[in-house]
Amino acid sequence: MSDAQNASHTVPLPVRRPRRLRTSPVMRNFTAETDLNPNRFVLPAFIADGIDEPKPISSLPGVVQHTTDSLLKAVEEAANAGVGSIDLFGVPLESDKDATGSVGAREDGVLNRALTAVRERFGDDILVMADTCLDEFTDHGHCGVLSPDFRGDLVVDNDATLQAYADMAVAQANAGAHIVSPSGMMDGQVRVIREALDAAGHQDVAIMAYSAKYASAFYGPFREAVGSSLKGDRRTYQQDCRNLRESILETQLDIDEGADMVMVKPAMPYLDVLREIANMSPVPVAAYQVSGEYAMISAAAERGWIDKETAIMESFYGLRRAGADIILSYWATWVAQRLAS
């Protein structure tokens, strides 16, 4: 057979093959590579002292500082929707704040009271996670205890902070937390917390480490949510947005110290970091869709610039596709309900 005859019998390339898998919703669902499971969602929530009714957070439309009653209703709604965990942040009275954030470890502190209330009501029906950090409880708003450096400037004292974290984690476990979540980015925090939990008989309490937590402009609304007293920034202990390899190192250190899960925060601007950590991590990887991400989508939707529901779902699928096993988002319950409908 001549070359010309061979050419005439060449099978055409299947140029329409990808499009054949997009022809209908049923076909698209049948061939989708990425699924969402609400059991892997975490709903962050704020519990505030000294309020009689839920207090709206202006920069987070639809999110509130909870009373105990409203918190329990929110947890019930999340559990009924299939959400796997709730992550609690405490908002103390200003008069309870001090230089060491001591109210964070007190049994009668706002966060520990809430942990107990949720665990007593829901038992093991939903995982109760606690934010293990001092920033909500200190009068200076930093994530650790301050000490003067060689110039006399006050800086976060890593080693002094570790003991405070250990005390706080044990108090949270005593209050009922299934998971503690150290977010302060102190060197050695996971090891110290693991040792303290084990010594206190809490070997089954897990640690979700904020391993790749960047100094980010996207935290702004969160600081309103927790009534932060911070003046300045946290760039000396949170990571620089220009760096990636640093995140791999931090994550490996946390895993070596005993982290049961690791986290990337924020989520959307750091999808490359999320993918790299998902590729190397032997433990589950979480991504936190932070307050600024929530606020941006909400604000654009309010102005009619984007479709809110489509944008939210796309953001969740993007995080999952990039490697997130677990997604923390203020939309956790909302997305879980949409997936069930």
Foldseek 3Di string as FASTA:
>chain_A
DDPVVVVVPDDDDPVCVVVVQVPDPVSVVVPPPFDDALLQEEAEAEEEPDDDQWADQVLQPPHTHGHLVVVLVVVVLSLVLNHAEYEYDYAYDLVQAAQALQLLLDCPRRRLVSLLSNCVVQPNSHAYEYEQFRQLRHLARARAHWDQDPVGDTDHDLVRRLVVSLSNLCSNVVSPHLEYEYERQRPPNLLSNCVSCVVSVNNRRAYEYAQQFAFDPLQVSVCSRSVGNHDDTDPVRHDHPVDQVSSVVSVVSNVVSPHQEYEHPAQPVPLVSQLVCLVPDPHAYEHENHSSNSSVLVVCVVVVNDPNVVVVVVVVRSRVVSRHSHYYDNCSSVVSNVVVD
